[in-house]
Protein backbone atom coordinates (compact mmCIF):
# COMPACT_ATOMS: atom_id res chain seq x y z
CA MET A 1 -92.88 15.70 50.62
CA SER A 2 -94.67 15.58 53.94
CA GLY A 3 -96.62 18.85 53.81
CA THR A 4 -100.02 19.57 52.38
CA LEU A 5 -101.40 22.51 50.43
CA ASN A 6 -104.84 24.10 50.42
CA LYS A 7 -104.69 27.00 47.95
CA VAL A 8 -107.24 28.40 45.51
CA MET A 9 -106.67 31.08 42.86
CA LEU A 10 -109.67 32.42 40.96
CA ILE A 11 -110.41 35.22 38.53
CA GLY A 12 -114.12 35.83 38.14
CA HIS A 13 -117.02 38.25 38.10
CA LEU A 14 -119.08 39.14 41.17
CA GLY A 15 -122.54 37.65 41.00
CA ASP A 16 -124.01 39.88 43.71
CA ALA A 17 -123.09 42.70 46.09
CA VAL A 18 -120.96 41.96 49.17
CA LYS A 19 -123.20 40.93 52.09
CA MET A 20 -121.76 42.09 55.43
CA HIS A 21 -122.29 40.56 58.88
CA TYR A 22 -121.03 42.45 61.94
CA PHE A 23 -120.23 40.85 65.31
CA ASP A 24 -119.72 42.08 68.86
CA GLY A 25 -116.17 43.29 69.32
CA GLY A 26 -115.96 45.03 65.94
CA ASN A 27 -115.20 42.03 63.72
CA CYS A 28 -117.06 41.50 60.48
CA VAL A 29 -117.40 39.03 57.63
CA GLY A 30 -118.25 39.76 54.00
CA ARG A 31 -119.65 37.12 51.66
CA PHE A 32 -120.17 37.24 47.91
CA PRO A 33 -120.36 34.82 44.98
CA ILE A 34 -118.09 34.97 41.96
CA ALA A 35 -118.56 33.20 38.64
CA THR A 36 -115.83 31.61 36.56
CA ASN A 37 -116.51 30.55 32.97
CA GLU A 38 -115.08 27.85 30.75
CA SER A 39 -115.70 27.85 27.00
CA TYR A 40 -115.09 25.07 24.53
CA THR A 41 -116.35 23.93 21.13
CA ASN A 42 -118.41 20.75 20.99
CA ARG A 43 -116.60 18.52 18.47
CA GLN A 44 -119.75 16.80 17.25
CA THR A 45 -121.97 19.85 16.72
CA GLY A 46 -119.34 22.59 16.30
CA GLU A 47 -121.33 24.66 18.80
CA LYS A 48 -119.52 26.89 21.29
CA VAL A 49 -120.42 25.84 24.84
CA THR A 50 -119.86 28.00 27.93
CA THR A 51 -120.20 26.59 31.43
CA THR A 52 -120.28 28.70 34.58
CA GLU A 53 -119.07 27.62 38.01
CA TRP A 54 -120.12 29.59 41.10
CA HIS A 55 -117.82 30.05 44.11
CA ASN A 56 -118.74 31.42 47.55
CA ILE A 57 -116.09 33.87 48.80
CA VAL A 58 -115.59 34.88 52.44
CA VAL A 59 -113.48 37.90 53.48
CA ARG A 60 -112.94 39.13 57.03
CA ASN A 61 -112.61 42.42 58.91
CA LYS A 62 -110.80 45.25 57.04
CA ALA A 63 -110.65 43.25 53.80
CA ALA A 64 -114.44 42.76 53.98
CA GLU A 65 -114.99 46.49 54.47
CA ILE A 66 -112.76 47.28 51.47
CA CYS A 67 -114.67 44.79 49.31
CA GLU A 68 -118.03 46.20 50.41
CA LYS A 69 -116.91 49.75 49.59
CA TYR A 70 -115.33 49.16 46.17
CA LEU A 71 -116.94 46.05 44.65
CA SER A 72 -120.28 45.76 42.89
CA LYS A 73 -122.06 43.11 40.88
CA GLY A 74 -120.23 42.26 37.64
CA ASP A 75 -116.79 43.48 38.76
CA LEU A 76 -113.79 41.33 37.87
CA ILE A 77 -111.63 40.22 40.82
CA TYR A 78 -108.63 37.98 41.46
CA ILE A 79 -108.94 35.95 44.68
CA GLU A 80 -106.40 33.82 46.52
CA GLY A 81 -107.47 31.75 49.46
CA ARG A 82 -108.15 28.30 50.84
CA LEU A 83 -111.09 25.93 50.76
CA LYS A 84 -113.11 25.50 53.92
CA THR A 85 -116.19 23.34 54.41
CA ARG A 86 -118.79 24.36 56.99
CA GLN A 87 -121.70 22.38 58.35
CA TRP A 88 -124.84 23.47 60.18
CA GLN A 89 -128.29 22.22 61.08
CA GLY A 90 -131.08 23.34 58.76
CA GLU A 91 -134.52 24.34 59.99
CA ASP A 92 -135.74 20.85 59.11
CA GLY A 93 -133.04 19.30 61.34
CA ALA A 94 -130.96 18.02 58.42
CA THR A 95 -127.21 18.57 58.44
CA ARG A 96 -126.17 20.89 55.63
CA TYR A 97 -122.71 21.52 54.16
CA THR A 98 -121.17 24.28 52.09
CA THR A 99 -117.67 24.77 50.71
CA GLU A 100 -116.33 28.32 50.65
CA ILE A 101 -113.13 30.08 49.67
CA GLN A 102 -111.66 31.90 52.67
CA ALA A 103 -109.90 34.79 50.91
CA THR A 104 -106.37 35.57 52.03
CA ASP A 105 -105.51 38.00 49.22
CA PHE A 106 -107.35 39.76 46.41
CA THR A 107 -106.83 42.26 43.62
CA PHE A 108 -109.56 44.28 41.91
CA LEU A 109 -109.27 43.88 38.14
CA SER A 110 -112.20 45.97 36.88
CA ASN A 111 -111.36 49.37 35.52
CA LYS A 112 -113.58 51.88 37.30
CA ALA A 113 -113.00 54.79 34.92
CA GLY A 114 -114.37 58.03 36.24
CA GLU A 115 -114.67 56.81 39.82
CA GLY A 116 -112.26 58.02 42.48
CA ASN A 117 -108.66 58.73 41.53
CA PRO A 118 -107.55 57.54 38.09
CA GLY A 119 -104.68 55.08 38.25
CA VAL A 120 -105.51 54.03 41.79
CA ASN A 121 -106.38 50.47 42.69
CA PRO A 122 -108.73 50.84 45.68
CA GLY A 123 -108.06 47.40 47.13
CA ALA A 124 -104.58 46.88 45.77
CA GLN A 125 -103.99 43.69 47.74
CA THR A 126 -104.96 42.78 51.24
CA SER A 127 -101.49 41.70 52.24
CA GLY A 128 -100.53 44.95 53.97
CA HIS A 129 -100.88 47.41 51.11
CA SER A 130 -102.49 50.80 51.50
CA VAL A 131 -106.01 51.30 50.21
CA ASN A 132 -104.86 54.20 48.01
CA GLU A 133 -101.73 52.60 46.66
CA PRO A 134 -101.02 53.27 42.95
CA MET A 135 -101.51 50.34 40.58
CA GLN A 136 -98.46 48.57 39.27
CA SER A 137 -98.43 46.36 36.22
CA GLY A 138 -96.42 43.18 36.40
CA ASN A 139 -93.82 42.43 39.01
CA VAL A 140 -91.94 45.70 39.28
CA GLN A 141 -88.92 45.57 41.56
CA GLU A 142 -86.85 48.58 42.47
CA ASN A 143 -83.10 48.67 43.16
CA VAL A 144 -82.49 45.27 41.55
CA PRO A 145 -79.25 45.04 39.57
CA GLU A 146 -79.57 44.11 35.89
CA GLU A 147 -77.21 41.14 36.23
CA ASP A 148 -76.81 38.81 39.16
CA ASP A 149 -73.88 36.78 40.42
CA LEU A 150 -75.68 33.44 40.41
CA PRO A 151 -73.58 30.54 39.06
CA PHE A 152 -76.44 29.04 37.06
């Protein structure tokens, strides 16, 4: 195998509102943190331990605007993307680094009962789906025959 892979998949809760930055030319970037939790039982004490990991998410342009409109602190979201490390000079002259997840796809998982249209997933997914596309559960495929002609 000669290729490489840089892919991240996370399900977590927003730790803060989406912060937007607009640029000349109409482009924009949205940034927000999400928290993922891991729970386990300490074998020696029998105590349940929960650890939280924070991830910095970056979304661009239309996806950022959708996130800003429909997401709020505490919402559950599924994110797909890739890791990217940035560096910059701090005010003290020191070089600083941060690792972010550049989102390529996302799905809102929180149920916003009473808001908007029931049964509508506002963000659906960013890979070409309409903002007001109905939610689907699972991988629903239409016009697929029950049996296939595969030899295995």
